[in-house]
Protein backbone atom coordinates (compact mmCIF):
# COMPACT_ATOMS: atom_id res chain seq x y z
CA MET A 1 135.44 83.21 123.03
CA SER A 2 137.73 80.80 122.79
CA GLN A 3 138.84 78.95 125.99
CA SER A 4 142.77 76.80 126.32
CA ILE A 5 143.50 73.33 125.91
CA ASN A 6 144.81 71.90 129.50
CA LEU A 7 148.30 70.48 127.89
CA VAL A 8 150.16 68.75 130.42
CA VAL A 9 153.51 66.98 129.22
CA VAL A 10 154.87 64.33 131.40
CA SER A 11 158.72 63.83 130.82
CA GLY A 12 159.57 60.05 132.32
CA SER A 13 163.71 61.27 131.64
CA PRO A 14 165.04 61.13 135.30
CA TYR A 15 167.77 63.67 133.91
CA ARG A 16 168.32 67.05 132.52
CA PRO A 17 168.91 67.44 130.16
CA SER A 18 167.34 64.97 128.62
CA ARG A 19 166.56 64.76 124.79
CA THR A 20 163.13 62.75 125.30
CA GLY A 21 162.46 67.07 127.55
CA THR A 22 163.87 68.41 124.17
CA LEU A 23 161.09 65.88 122.19
CA LEU A 24 158.56 66.72 124.55
CA ALA A 25 158.92 70.22 123.84
CA ALA A 26 159.53 70.33 120.12
CA LEU A 27 155.27 68.00 120.08
CA GLY A 28 154.10 70.70 122.72
CA ASP A 29 155.33 74.01 120.56
CA SER A 30 153.83 72.30 117.54
CA LEU A 31 150.59 71.64 119.52
CA ALA A 32 150.89 75.08 120.55
CA GLY A 33 151.24 76.57 117.72
CA ALA A 34 147.65 75.54 116.08
CA LEU A 35 145.66 74.89 119.36
CA SER A 36 145.18 77.88 121.91
CA VAL A 37 146.93 75.84 124.86
CA ARG A 38 148.27 76.35 128.32
CA THR A 39 151.20 74.19 128.88
CA ARG A 40 151.89 72.08 132.26
CA VAL A 41 155.10 70.68 131.93
CA ILE A 42 156.37 67.88 134.76
CA GLU A 43 159.60 65.85 134.94
CA VAL A 44 160.54 62.57 136.51
CA ALA A 45 163.53 64.04 137.02
CA ASP A 46 161.84 66.93 139.46
CA LEU A 47 160.13 64.17 141.10
CA VAL A 48 162.81 61.45 142.17
CA SER A 49 163.21 62.00 145.29
CA ASP A 50 159.11 62.52 145.88
CA ILE A 51 158.04 59.66 144.43
CA GLY A 52 161.19 56.95 145.16
CA THR A 53 159.79 55.88 148.00
CA ALA A 54 156.14 56.38 148.17
CA LEU A 55 154.53 52.77 147.94
CA SER A 56 150.90 54.92 148.05
CA ARG A 57 149.52 58.17 147.23
CA ASP A 58 149.19 59.35 151.05
CA GLN A 59 152.74 58.70 151.55
CA LEU A 60 153.66 61.45 148.33
CA SER A 61 154.84 65.07 148.92
CA PRO A 62 152.97 68.07 148.16
CA GLN A 63 154.77 68.63 145.05
CA ALA A 64 154.54 65.16 143.82
CA ASP A 65 150.62 65.19 144.67
CA ASN A 66 150.01 68.54 142.97
CA ALA A 67 152.11 66.79 139.92
CA LEU A 68 149.29 64.07 140.03
CA ARG A 69 146.57 65.84 140.07
CA ALA A 70 147.38 68.01 136.75
CA ILE A 71 147.80 64.71 134.95
CA GLU A 72 144.58 63.77 136.38
CA GLN A 73 143.58 67.19 135.37
CA ALA A 74 144.68 67.38 132.14
CA ASP A 75 142.41 67.70 129.14
CA VAL A 76 145.25 66.29 126.53
CA LEU A 77 148.47 64.52 127.66
CA LEU A 78 151.39 64.65 126.11
CA VAL A 79 153.53 61.68 127.35
CA GLY A 80 157.28 60.29 126.99
CA ALA A 81 159.96 58.89 127.96
CA PRO A 82 163.56 57.33 127.27
CA VAL A 83 164.47 53.55 127.28
CA PHE A 84 166.93 52.09 129.21
CA ARG A 85 167.95 48.85 128.43
CA GLY A 86 165.14 47.46 126.47
CA SER A 87 162.22 49.82 128.85
CA VAL A 88 161.22 53.14 130.25
CA PRO A 89 162.61 54.04 133.45
CA GLY A 90 160.85 52.62 136.28
CA LEU A 91 159.92 55.84 138.30
CA PHE A 92 157.87 57.28 135.01
CA LYS A 93 156.04 53.86 135.40
CA HIS A 94 155.83 54.45 139.24
CA LEU A 95 154.10 57.98 138.83
CA PHE A 96 151.86 55.98 136.79
CA ASP A 97 150.87 53.37 139.18
CA LEU A 98 149.75 56.71 141.27
CA VAL A 99 147.59 58.02 139.29
CA ALA A 100 143.76 57.17 140.18
CA VAL A 101 142.39 54.30 137.87
CA ASP A 102 140.28 56.40 136.55
CA ALA A 103 141.29 59.86 135.87
CA LEU A 104 142.87 59.58 132.27
CA ILE A 105 139.54 57.85 131.16
CA GLY A 106 138.89 59.43 127.46
CA LYS A 107 141.86 61.63 127.44
CA PRO A 108 143.87 61.95 124.04
CA VAL A 109 146.83 61.15 124.42
CA LEU A 110 149.93 61.32 122.78
CA LEU A 111 153.03 59.24 122.90
CA ALA A 112 156.20 59.70 122.40
CA ALA A 113 160.25 57.72 122.96
CA THR A 114 163.85 58.75 122.69
CA GLY A 115 166.90 55.49 122.91
CA GLY A 116 169.91 55.56 121.87
CA SER A 117 168.94 53.07 119.19
CA ALA A 118 166.29 52.27 116.10
CA ARG A 119 165.76 48.62 117.55
CA HIS A 120 164.10 50.65 120.89
CA ALA A 121 161.32 52.07 118.61
CA LEU A 122 158.66 49.81 119.51
CA VAL A 123 158.54 50.67 123.01
CA ILE A 124 155.92 52.92 122.17
CA ASP A 125 153.96 50.60 121.07
CA HIS A 126 154.60 47.72 123.21
CA GLN A 127 155.09 49.21 127.09
CA LEU A 128 153.22 52.92 126.14
CA ARG A 129 150.69 52.23 124.52
CA PRO A 130 148.82 49.32 126.90
CA LEU A 131 149.91 51.49 129.76
CA PHE A 132 147.34 54.16 128.46
CA SER A 133 144.94 51.45 127.16
CA PHE A 134 144.75 50.35 130.34
CA PHE A 135 143.23 53.64 131.78
CA GLN A 136 141.10 54.02 128.57
CA SER A 137 142.90 56.73 127.57
CA LEU A 138 142.27 58.18 123.77
CA VAL A 139 145.57 57.07 122.54
CA LEU A 140 146.27 58.65 119.29
CA PRO A 141 147.17 56.90 116.45
CA THR A 142 151.09 57.78 115.98
CA GLY A 143 153.87 58.20 118.44
CA VAL A 144 157.36 59.69 117.32
CA TYR A 145 160.42 57.78 118.57
CA ALA A 146 163.89 59.31 118.09
CA CYS A 147 167.53 58.14 118.46
CA THR A 148 169.94 59.65 120.11
CA ASP A 149 171.76 60.54 116.25
CA ASP A 150 168.43 62.66 115.49
CA PHE A 151 170.02 65.11 118.09
CA THR A 152 172.94 67.15 118.64
CA ASP A 153 173.82 69.11 122.10
CA TYR A 154 169.94 68.12 123.07
CA GLN A 155 168.65 70.05 120.00
CA ILE A 156 166.95 68.87 116.66
CA THR A 157 169.20 68.14 114.25
CA ASP A 158 167.56 65.26 112.09
CA PRO A 159 165.37 66.57 109.44
CA ALA A 160 163.04 62.76 108.94
CA LEU A 161 162.95 63.48 113.23
CA LYS A 162 161.39 66.73 112.14
CA ALA A 163 159.23 65.47 109.80
CA ARG A 164 158.04 62.76 112.10
CA ILE A 165 156.93 65.44 114.58
CA ALA A 166 154.87 67.25 112.17
CA LEU A 167 153.19 64.03 110.73
CA VAL A 168 152.41 62.98 114.07
CA VAL A 169 151.29 66.62 115.04
CA GLY A 170 149.04 66.79 111.75
CA GLN A 171 147.23 63.42 112.55
CA ALA A 172 146.80 64.63 116.14
CA LEU A 173 145.17 67.99 115.45
CA PRO A 174 142.12 67.11 114.08
CA ILE A 175 141.02 64.64 116.78
CA ILE A 176 142.26 67.19 119.28
CA ALA A 177 140.10 70.00 118.09
CA GLY A 178 137.11 67.93 117.28
CA LEU A 179 137.52 66.78 121.12
CA PHE A 180 137.94 70.46 121.94
CA PRO A 181 136.43 72.75 119.24
CA GLN A 182 136.32 76.02 121.67
CA ALA A 183 140.00 75.87 121.73
CA SER A 184 140.46 77.68 118.65
CA LEU A 185 143.72 78.81 116.40
CA GLY A 186 145.89 81.04 119.76
CA ALA A 187 148.67 81.78 121.08
CA PRO A 188 150.53 79.29 123.42
CA GLU A 189 150.21 80.34 127.65
CA SER A 190 152.27 78.56 129.54
CA LEU A 191 152.49 77.58 132.73
CA ALA A 192 155.72 76.68 135.04
CA ALA A 193 156.22 72.87 136.32
């Protein structure tokens, strides 16, 4: 009997719609096509007023606390953020500032980012990877970065980006499947955020 992987997708964009959300959806759909997953999507856009003024976890609304618990209880995290002025949004980072320090130890994390141009592509290695290394997560070897030109009306239209998504998911699948052998290939399930 197969058991689904608890995949939690975290979109760090404070806006909706967003190219970050589109990229994460494509990555999540690709994972769900190969593994049995239950997907929960958490968007910073839904939590702006909840986390923006919270200096500690006990100041969070029930909605924001529920989002943090979902992140902490994930089997696998798929995390992405847009780049604004050379960095990820502060609210995205603040969300992870509120995550329990030991909650993500050993959890596989697939990273993604979007930006206006290729000059921001190193955000994955210089900001996102160190963040999850701090948490002692199992950061998957390759992330996906996408530029504005890779999208048309919030849809992925660049064949090279589609190929990168396939490559990164192909690299991640053996690692995730090795950690969760009970998650045989199956139809995806979805949970509302």
